[in-house]
Amino acid sequence: ITPVKTTEGVIPNEFIKTIDAFDTYHKKKSTVKTLYIKDGIKAIGDYAFAYSSLSLCDMSANTVLETIGEGAFYECTQLGSDGGSSVKTILPNSVKTIANKAFMSCTNFNNGGQALPTSLVKIGQEAFMSCGFSGRLTLPEGLERICYSALGCNNLTSLHIPASVTTIEEAFWLTEQLGEVTVAEGNQNYTVKNGMLLTKDLTGLVKIPPMLDSYDIPETVTTIYGTSADLLNTKELVIPDGVKALGNFAFAWCEGLETLVVGSGVETWGEETFFVCFDIKSIYLRSENVVSPTTEPFASAIFETATLYVPAGTKNAYELDTYWGRFKNITEYTTTGISSVKTDSNAPAEQIYGIAGKRRDILHHGLNIVRSNGKARKVMKN
């Protein structure tokens, strides 16, 4: 590329237009494939190289670059496809801010097992959304803020949060392969319990890695933040009684979910909390006080296909509610569990199963299936 003069070390917005025929509106991609950003460049402007055909970008010689602007490499789908571009070459350690959508949809841009820049302070909204990041990603000490969907990369398997992080804003949406999150010991704001990322006081659920073996939400949780439990692979889900608020898209894309038990404490429902959870067949509400959502937490098809189970004596109140009354099938149930298992000479012992069909020795918290005398019934245990 022929050197182009910059003002005060800043590559201007939509810079690619000045060096090659390019039309953002029609997304006619630049033919430039190789880019070297030498030392002295301090910032890359908004959408500077967006939609281009860059396959190799090398900034490794730069020691003063601090800011990568919004959408700077947006939809550079070939970036990294050459095999020579990685976090190490594209992001020098001097970078402090990676703005919104900076590398969004750079599907070939892989972290290569490397950490992000050591000077990094902020990762903007959707900065690496749909990037090719995979395996383990270690976030650097000094990082303070991770914004909405910043690391929505579906091939990440492990993530380390440093002690310096103070704010995480629904940052890990659509991390389908994520199985582990770790937090540095000295972090004052976040921790891990039951394999889940929580606020330090254990009241806020920030992320359930979808690849965990079980999804037992701690009883201390009062808020389940937006997108924090998407893509869970389970047929049954129990929301504890202590939970008061469910965020937007909190349980989105839990496509195999069939039975949902909602604790008695839920007061606030997010928008599309159960987005694309089309397989839900049974919803158990444990609250005897009707709390009507002011949003649309479920897809409208659920009103026809799922049965709403409500505590004994509350069916009429739920039928009259402007939201819950939209369910065609509303049935009362009792939350009384079974204190003992009885047997006699003429009938086999009662058998207890989980909703997925696995045999249990005793009643578990939540929903159980109890079979006896050739009949099955559902039993809730507090």
Protein backbone atom coordinates (compact mmCIF):
# COMPACT_ATOMS: atom_id res chain seq x y z
CA ILE A 1 0.00 0.00 0.00
CA THR A 2 1.30 3.47 -0.83
CA PRO A 3 1.82 5.42 2.42
CA VAL A 4 -0.96 7.89 3.11
CA LYS A 5 -0.51 10.95 5.29
CA THR A 6 -2.45 10.96 8.55
CA THR A 7 -3.26 13.75 10.96
CA GLU A 8 -1.57 13.46 14.36
CA GLY A 9 -1.03 9.74 13.93
CA VAL A 10 -4.70 8.87 13.36
CA ILE A 11 -5.97 6.74 10.49
CA PRO A 12 -9.22 8.55 9.58
CA ASN A 13 -12.73 7.12 9.47
CA GLU A 14 -13.49 4.96 6.43
CA PHE A 15 -9.83 5.25 5.43
CA ILE A 16 -10.02 2.36 2.98
CA LYS A 17 -12.01 4.57 0.63
CA THR A 18 -8.99 6.81 0.13
CA ILE A 19 -6.73 4.00 -1.05
CA ASP A 20 -9.03 1.82 -3.10
CA ALA A 21 -12.40 1.85 -4.87
CA PHE A 22 -14.89 1.11 -2.12
CA ASP A 23 -18.58 1.63 -1.51
CA THR A 24 -19.89 0.91 1.99
CA TYR A 25 -23.54 1.16 1.00
CA HIS A 26 -23.24 -1.53 -1.66
CA LYS A 27 -20.52 -3.40 0.28
CA LYS A 28 -18.21 -3.56 -2.73
CA LYS A 29 -15.13 -4.88 -1.04
CA SER A 30 -11.73 -3.30 -1.35
CA THR A 31 -9.15 -5.42 -3.15
CA VAL A 32 -6.44 -4.60 -0.59
CA LYS A 33 -5.42 -7.87 1.10
CA THR A 34 -2.27 -7.01 3.04
CA LEU A 35 -1.84 -4.19 5.53
CA TYR A 36 1.14 -3.13 7.67
CA ILE A 37 0.57 -0.43 10.25
CA LYS A 38 3.94 0.94 11.28
CA ASP A 39 4.95 2.66 14.51
CA GLY A 40 3.59 6.17 15.09
CA ILE A 41 -0.08 5.41 14.40
CA LYS A 42 -2.01 6.06 17.65
CA ALA A 43 -5.59 5.42 16.55
CA ILE A 44 -7.60 3.71 13.82
CA GLY A 45 -10.81 5.57 12.95
CA ASP A 46 -14.37 4.26 12.82
CA TYR A 47 -14.99 1.76 10.00
CA ALA A 48 -11.52 2.52 8.62
CA PHE A 49 -11.18 -0.92 7.00
CA ALA A 50 -14.76 -2.21 7.28
CA TYR A 51 -15.95 -4.76 4.68
CA SER A 52 -12.51 -4.93 3.09
CA SER A 53 -10.83 -8.07 1.78
CA LEU A 54 -7.89 -7.85 4.17
CA SER A 55 -6.44 -11.26 4.94
CA LEU A 56 -3.20 -10.12 6.60
CA CYS A 57 -2.92 -7.22 9.02
CA ASP A 58 0.36 -6.72 10.87
CA MET A 59 0.65 -4.08 13.59
CA SER A 60 3.40 -5.83 15.51
CA ALA A 61 5.88 -3.02 14.83
CA ASN A 62 3.57 -0.45 16.40
CA THR A 63 4.25 0.57 20.00
CA VAL A 64 1.89 3.56 20.40
CA LEU A 65 -1.48 2.40 19.00
CA GLU A 66 -4.07 2.93 21.75
CA THR A 67 -7.51 3.02 20.12
CA ILE A 68 -9.22 0.84 17.53
CA GLY A 69 -12.38 2.67 16.50
CA GLU A 70 -15.95 1.48 16.10
CA GLY A 71 -16.30 -1.08 13.34
CA ALA A 72 -12.68 -0.53 12.29
CA PHE A 73 -12.45 -4.05 10.82
CA TYR A 74 -16.18 -4.79 10.71
CA GLU A 75 -17.03 -7.81 8.53
CA CYS A 76 -13.47 -8.34 7.34
CA THR A 77 -14.33 -11.98 6.92
CA GLN A 78 -10.97 -12.90 5.37
CA LEU A 79 -8.90 -11.35 8.17
CA GLY A 80 -6.70 -14.12 9.53
CA SER A 81 -7.39 -16.54 6.70
CA ASP A 82 -3.78 -16.21 5.56
CA GLY A 83 -2.67 -17.96 8.74
CA GLY A 84 -0.31 -15.13 9.67
CA SER A 85 -2.73 -12.78 11.41
CA SER A 86 -3.52 -13.40 15.05
CA VAL A 87 -4.08 -11.45 18.25
CA LYS A 88 -0.32 -10.98 18.53
CA THR A 89 0.09 -9.37 15.08
CA ILE A 90 -3.21 -7.47 14.89
CA LEU A 91 -3.39 -6.16 18.45
CA PRO A 92 -0.15 -4.74 19.85
CA ASN A 93 0.17 -4.53 23.63
CA SER A 94 -0.21 -0.75 23.58
CA VAL A 95 -3.95 -0.96 22.70
CA LYS A 96 -6.17 0.37 25.52
CA THR A 97 -9.60 0.57 23.89
CA ILE A 98 -11.29 -1.70 21.35
CA ALA A 99 -14.52 0.08 20.40
CA ASN A 100 -17.97 -1.28 19.55
CA LYS A 101 -18.07 -3.78 16.67
CA ALA A 102 -14.35 -3.26 15.99
CA PHE A 103 -13.84 -6.88 14.83
CA MET A 104 -17.45 -8.01 14.63
CA SER A 105 -18.03 -10.85 12.13
CA CYS A 106 -14.32 -11.33 11.45
CA THR A 107 -15.01 -15.05 11.31
CA ASN A 108 -11.42 -16.08 10.50
CA PHE A 109 -9.80 -13.90 13.17
CA ASN A 110 -8.62 -16.40 15.79
CA ASN A 111 -7.03 -15.69 19.16
CA GLY A 112 -4.68 -18.62 18.61
CA GLY A 113 -4.58 -19.32 22.33
CA GLN A 114 -3.03 -15.91 22.98
CA ALA A 115 -4.05 -13.27 25.52
CA LEU A 116 -5.44 -9.90 24.49
CA PRO A 117 -3.20 -6.78 24.74
CA THR A 118 -1.69 -6.18 28.18
CA SER A 119 -2.70 -2.49 28.21
CA LEU A 120 -6.35 -3.18 27.38
CA VAL A 121 -8.87 -1.33 29.59
CA LYS A 122 -12.18 -1.64 27.71
CA ILE A 123 -13.76 -4.02 25.19
CA GLY A 124 -16.75 -2.33 23.51
CA GLN A 125 -20.14 -3.71 22.59
CA GLU A 126 -19.99 -6.61 20.12
CA ALA A 127 -16.28 -5.90 19.61
CA PHE A 128 -15.49 -9.58 18.90
CA MET A 129 -19.02 -10.83 18.26
CA SER A 130 -18.97 -13.79 15.85
CA CYS A 131 -15.18 -13.79 15.61
CA GLY A 132 -13.26 -17.01 15.16
CA PHE A 133 -11.95 -17.04 18.73
CA SER A 134 -11.67 -20.59 20.05
CA GLY A 135 -10.22 -22.59 22.92
CA ARG A 136 -9.11 -20.71 26.03
CA LEU A 137 -9.06 -16.90 26.17
CA THR A 138 -7.17 -15.15 28.97
CA LEU A 139 -8.22 -11.55 29.51
CA PRO A 140 -5.35 -9.31 30.66
CA GLU A 141 -4.86 -7.84 34.11
CA GLY A 142 -5.79 -4.16 33.86
CA LEU A 143 -8.97 -4.77 31.86
CA GLU A 144 -11.87 -3.01 33.61
CA ARG A 145 -14.97 -3.20 31.43
CA ILE A 146 -16.43 -5.85 29.11
CA CYS A 147 -19.48 -4.51 27.27
CA TYR A 148 -22.61 -6.11 25.82
CA SER A 149 -21.91 -9.17 23.62
CA ALA A 150 -18.25 -8.19 23.47
CA LEU A 151 -17.07 -11.81 23.41
CA GLY A 152 -19.96 -13.60 21.72
CA CYS A 153 -17.76 -16.23 20.08
CA ASN A 154 -19.35 -19.67 19.84
CA ASN A 155 -16.08 -21.64 19.79
CA LEU A 156 -14.62 -20.32 23.02
CA THR A 157 -14.30 -23.16 25.52
CA SER A 158 -12.62 -21.47 28.48
CA LEU A 159 -12.45 -17.88 29.73
CA HIS A 160 -10.36 -16.24 32.47
CA ILE A 161 -11.52 -13.00 34.14
CA PRO A 162 -8.71 -10.95 35.75
CA ALA A 163 -8.87 -9.28 39.17
CA SER A 164 -9.12 -5.82 37.59
CA VAL A 165 -12.54 -6.30 35.92
CA THR A 166 -15.22 -4.15 37.55
CA THR A 167 -18.04 -4.29 34.98
CA ILE A 168 -19.43 -7.10 32.81
CA GLU A 169 -22.45 -6.12 30.69
CA GLU A 170 -24.13 -9.28 29.35
CA ALA A 171 -20.88 -9.86 27.51
CA PHE A 172 -20.91 -13.58 26.69
CA TRP A 173 -24.01 -14.12 24.55
CA LEU A 174 -23.94 -17.13 22.18
CA THR A 175 -20.78 -18.74 23.59
CA GLU A 176 -22.15 -22.17 22.70
CA GLN A 177 -19.02 -24.21 23.48
CA LEU A 178 -18.08 -22.45 26.71
CA GLY A 179 -17.49 -24.96 29.49
CA GLU A 180 -15.36 -23.09 31.99
CA VAL A 181 -15.06 -19.60 33.47
CA THR A 182 -12.38 -18.75 36.01
CA VAL A 183 -11.93 -15.55 38.02
CA ALA A 184 -8.69 -14.27 39.52
CA GLU A 185 -8.60 -14.56 43.29
CA GLY A 186 -8.29 -10.84 43.94
CA ASN A 187 -11.34 -9.78 41.94
CA GLN A 188 -13.66 -7.71 44.18
CA ASN A 189 -16.70 -7.86 41.90
CA TYR A 190 -17.06 -11.39 40.49
CA THR A 191 -16.59 -15.01 41.51
CA VAL A 192 -17.46 -18.57 40.43
CA LYS A 193 -19.82 -20.99 42.18
CA ASN A 194 -21.23 -24.27 40.81
CA GLY A 195 -19.14 -23.49 37.72
CA MET A 196 -21.20 -20.33 37.10
CA LEU A 197 -20.01 -16.72 36.92
CA LEU A 198 -21.68 -14.69 39.69
CA THR A 199 -21.37 -11.29 41.27
CA LYS A 200 -19.11 -11.35 44.32
CA ASP A 201 -22.05 -11.25 46.75
CA LEU A 202 -23.51 -14.33 44.98
CA THR A 203 -26.80 -12.53 44.20
CA GLY A 204 -26.31 -11.90 40.48
CA LEU A 205 -26.02 -14.65 37.85
CA VAL A 206 -23.76 -13.38 35.07
CA LYS A 207 -23.09 -16.51 33.01
CA ILE A 208 -23.83 -20.22 33.01
CA PRO A 209 -21.36 -21.91 30.64
CA PRO A 210 -23.62 -24.00 28.36
CA MET A 211 -21.25 -26.99 28.47
CA LEU A 212 -21.52 -27.49 32.25
CA ASP A 213 -22.69 -30.94 33.36
CA SER A 214 -25.47 -29.49 35.54
CA TYR A 215 -27.28 -26.19 35.92
CA ASP A 216 -28.02 -25.90 39.63
CA ILE A 217 -28.54 -22.17 40.15
CA PRO A 218 -27.33 -21.21 43.66
CA GLU A 219 -30.11 -20.39 46.12
CA THR A 220 -28.43 -17.04 46.85
CA VAL A 221 -29.18 -15.67 43.37
CA THR A 222 -31.79 -12.88 43.21
CA THR A 223 -31.11 -11.59 39.67
CA ILE A 224 -30.51 -13.57 36.50
CA TYR A 225 -29.03 -11.07 34.08
CA GLY A 226 -29.85 -10.85 30.39
CA THR A 227 -28.32 -13.51 28.10
CA SER A 228 -26.66 -15.12 31.13
CA ALA A 229 -28.16 -18.59 30.62
CA ASP A 230 -28.65 -18.91 26.87
CA LEU A 231 -28.09 -22.15 24.93
CA LEU A 232 -28.46 -24.47 27.93
CA ASN A 233 -28.78 -28.13 27.00
CA THR A 234 -31.46 -29.34 29.38
CA LYS A 235 -35.04 -30.62 29.38
CA GLU A 236 -35.82 -29.34 32.87
CA LEU A 237 -34.97 -26.01 34.48
CA VAL A 238 -35.69 -24.88 38.04
CA ILE A 239 -35.48 -21.18 38.93
CA PRO A 240 -35.02 -20.93 42.73
CA ASP A 241 -37.58 -19.17 44.93
CA GLY A 242 -35.06 -16.46 45.84
CA VAL A 243 -34.81 -15.13 42.27
CA LYS A 244 -36.67 -11.83 41.87
CA ALA A 245 -35.69 -10.65 38.38
CA LEU A 246 -35.13 -12.32 35.00
CA GLY A 247 -33.26 -10.32 32.36
CA ASN A 248 -33.88 -9.91 28.63
CA PHE A 249 -33.08 -13.09 26.65
CA ALA A 250 -31.84 -14.67 29.90
CA PHE A 251 -32.64 -18.24 28.75
CA ALA A 252 -32.68 -17.67 24.99
CA TRP A 253 -32.15 -20.62 22.63
CA CYS A 254 -32.62 -23.34 25.27
CA GLU A 255 -34.27 -25.27 22.48
CA GLY A 256 -34.59 -28.63 24.24
CA LEU A 257 -36.23 -27.17 27.34
CA GLU A 258 -39.53 -28.93 28.04
CA THR A 259 -40.35 -28.31 31.70
CA LEU A 260 -39.83 -25.01 33.48
CA VAL A 261 -40.30 -24.41 37.21
CA VAL A 262 -40.43 -20.72 38.15
CA GLY A 263 -39.74 -19.86 41.79
CA SER A 264 -42.24 -17.99 43.93
CA GLY A 265 -40.09 -14.87 44.21
CA VAL A 266 -40.01 -13.76 40.54
CA GLU A 267 -41.35 -10.21 40.28
CA THR A 268 -39.77 -8.97 37.03
CA TRP A 269 -39.70 -10.70 33.66
CA GLY A 270 -37.38 -9.55 30.88
CA GLU A 271 -38.26 -9.15 27.23
CA GLU A 272 -38.16 -12.52 25.44
CA THR A 273 -36.61 -14.19 28.48
CA PHE A 274 -37.26 -17.60 26.86
CA PHE A 275 -36.59 -16.58 23.24
CA VAL A 276 -36.65 -19.57 20.84
CA CYS A 277 -37.59 -22.02 23.61
CA PHE A 278 -40.30 -23.56 21.44
CA ASP A 279 -40.27 -27.04 23.04
CA ILE A 280 -41.62 -25.96 26.42
CA LYS A 281 -44.56 -28.18 27.32
CA SER A 282 -45.04 -27.49 31.04
CA ILE A 283 -44.58 -24.29 33.05
CA TYR A 284 -44.91 -24.52 36.84
CA LEU A 285 -45.44 -21.22 38.64
CA ARG A 286 -44.80 -21.55 42.35
CA SER A 287 -46.15 -18.14 43.39
CA GLU A 288 -49.63 -18.00 44.94
CA ASN A 289 -49.63 -14.26 44.22
CA VAL A 290 -50.20 -13.52 40.56
CA VAL A 291 -47.39 -11.41 39.08
CA SER A 292 -48.28 -10.34 35.56
CA PRO A 293 -45.33 -9.77 33.18
CA THR A 294 -45.30 -6.37 31.49
CA THR A 295 -43.11 -7.83 28.73
CA GLU A 296 -43.39 -10.86 26.43
CA PRO A 297 -41.10 -13.44 28.06
CA PHE A 298 -42.43 -16.38 26.00
CA ALA A 299 -43.17 -16.87 22.31
CA SER A 300 -46.89 -16.51 21.62
CA ALA A 301 -47.10 -20.11 20.35
CA ILE A 302 -46.53 -21.31 23.93
CA PHE A 303 -50.04 -20.21 24.91
CA GLU A 304 -51.43 -22.92 22.65
CA THR A 305 -48.88 -25.71 23.12
CA ALA A 306 -47.83 -25.58 26.80
CA THR A 307 -49.75 -26.26 29.99
CA LEU A 308 -49.50 -23.70 32.78
CA TYR A 309 -49.47 -25.28 36.24
CA VAL A 310 -50.39 -22.98 39.14
CA PRO A 311 -50.65 -23.59 42.93
CA ALA A 312 -53.87 -25.12 44.24
CA GLY A 313 -56.56 -22.50 44.77
CA THR A 314 -55.09 -19.92 42.35
CA LYS A 315 -56.40 -21.07 38.96
CA ASN A 316 -59.17 -18.50 38.81
CA ALA A 317 -56.81 -15.63 39.59
CA TYR A 318 -54.35 -16.73 36.90
CA GLU A 319 -57.13 -17.18 34.33
CA LEU A 320 -58.25 -13.58 34.95
CA ASP A 321 -54.75 -12.17 34.55
CA THR A 322 -54.11 -10.24 31.31
CA TYR A 323 -50.95 -12.23 30.57
CA TRP A 324 -51.26 -15.69 32.16
CA GLY A 325 -54.91 -15.88 31.13
CA ARG A 326 -53.76 -16.22 27.52
CA PHE A 327 -52.75 -19.85 28.20
CA LYS A 328 -55.41 -22.22 26.88
CA ASN A 329 -54.52 -24.93 29.41
CA ILE A 330 -54.20 -23.93 33.07
CA THR A 331 -54.10 -26.65 35.71
CA GLU A 332 -53.72 -26.54 39.48
CA TYR A 333 -51.13 -28.66 41.29
CA THR A 334 -50.04 -29.15 44.89
CA THR A 335 -46.52 -28.41 46.08
CA THR A 336 -46.81 -31.02 48.84
CA GLY A 337 -44.04 -33.59 48.49
CA ILE A 338 -44.09 -37.27 49.53
CA SER A 339 -42.73 -37.89 53.02
CA SER A 340 -42.11 -41.59 52.49
CA VAL A 341 -42.30 -44.32 49.87
CA LYS A 342 -44.88 -46.99 50.61
CA THR A 343 -44.99 -50.57 49.47
CA ASP A 344 -47.37 -53.50 49.93
CA SER A 345 -47.54 -57.13 48.96
CA ASN A 346 -49.77 -56.52 45.97
CA ALA A 347 -48.07 -53.49 44.38
CA PRO A 348 -44.52 -52.61 43.43
CA ALA A 349 -42.72 -49.86 45.34
CA GLU A 350 -43.15 -46.29 44.16
CA GLN A 351 -40.46 -45.32 41.72
CA ILE A 352 -39.10 -41.78 41.38
CA TYR A 353 -37.68 -40.30 38.17
CA GLY A 354 -36.34 -36.97 36.98
CA ILE A 355 -38.04 -35.23 34.08
CA ALA A 356 -35.42 -36.67 31.69
CA GLY A 357 -36.33 -40.21 32.78
CA LYS A 358 -33.36 -40.93 35.08
CA ARG A 359 -34.18 -42.99 38.17
CA ARG A 360 -33.86 -41.26 41.56
CA ASP A 361 -33.63 -42.80 45.04
CA ILE A 362 -35.40 -39.86 46.73
CA LEU A 363 -37.39 -36.80 45.73
CA HIS A 364 -35.18 -34.00 44.42
CA HIS A 365 -35.83 -30.28 44.71
CA GLY A 366 -38.17 -29.21 41.92
CA LEU A 367 -40.18 -31.52 39.69
CA ASN A 368 -40.27 -35.34 40.12
CA ILE A 369 -42.20 -38.08 38.30
CA VAL A 370 -43.55 -40.72 40.71
CA ARG A 371 -44.85 -44.04 39.33
CA SER A 372 -46.92 -46.58 41.32
CA ASN A 373 -49.67 -49.07 40.49
CA GLY A 374 -49.06 -48.50 36.81
CA LYS A 375 -49.81 -44.78 37.06
CA ALA A 376 -47.54 -41.74 37.04
CA ARG A 377 -47.98 -38.36 38.69
CA LYS A 378 -45.92 -35.20 38.93
CA VAL A 379 -44.74 -34.15 42.39
CA MET A 380 -43.08 -30.86 43.31
CA LYS A 381 -40.68 -30.83 46.27
CA ASN A 382 -39.88 -27.58 48.06
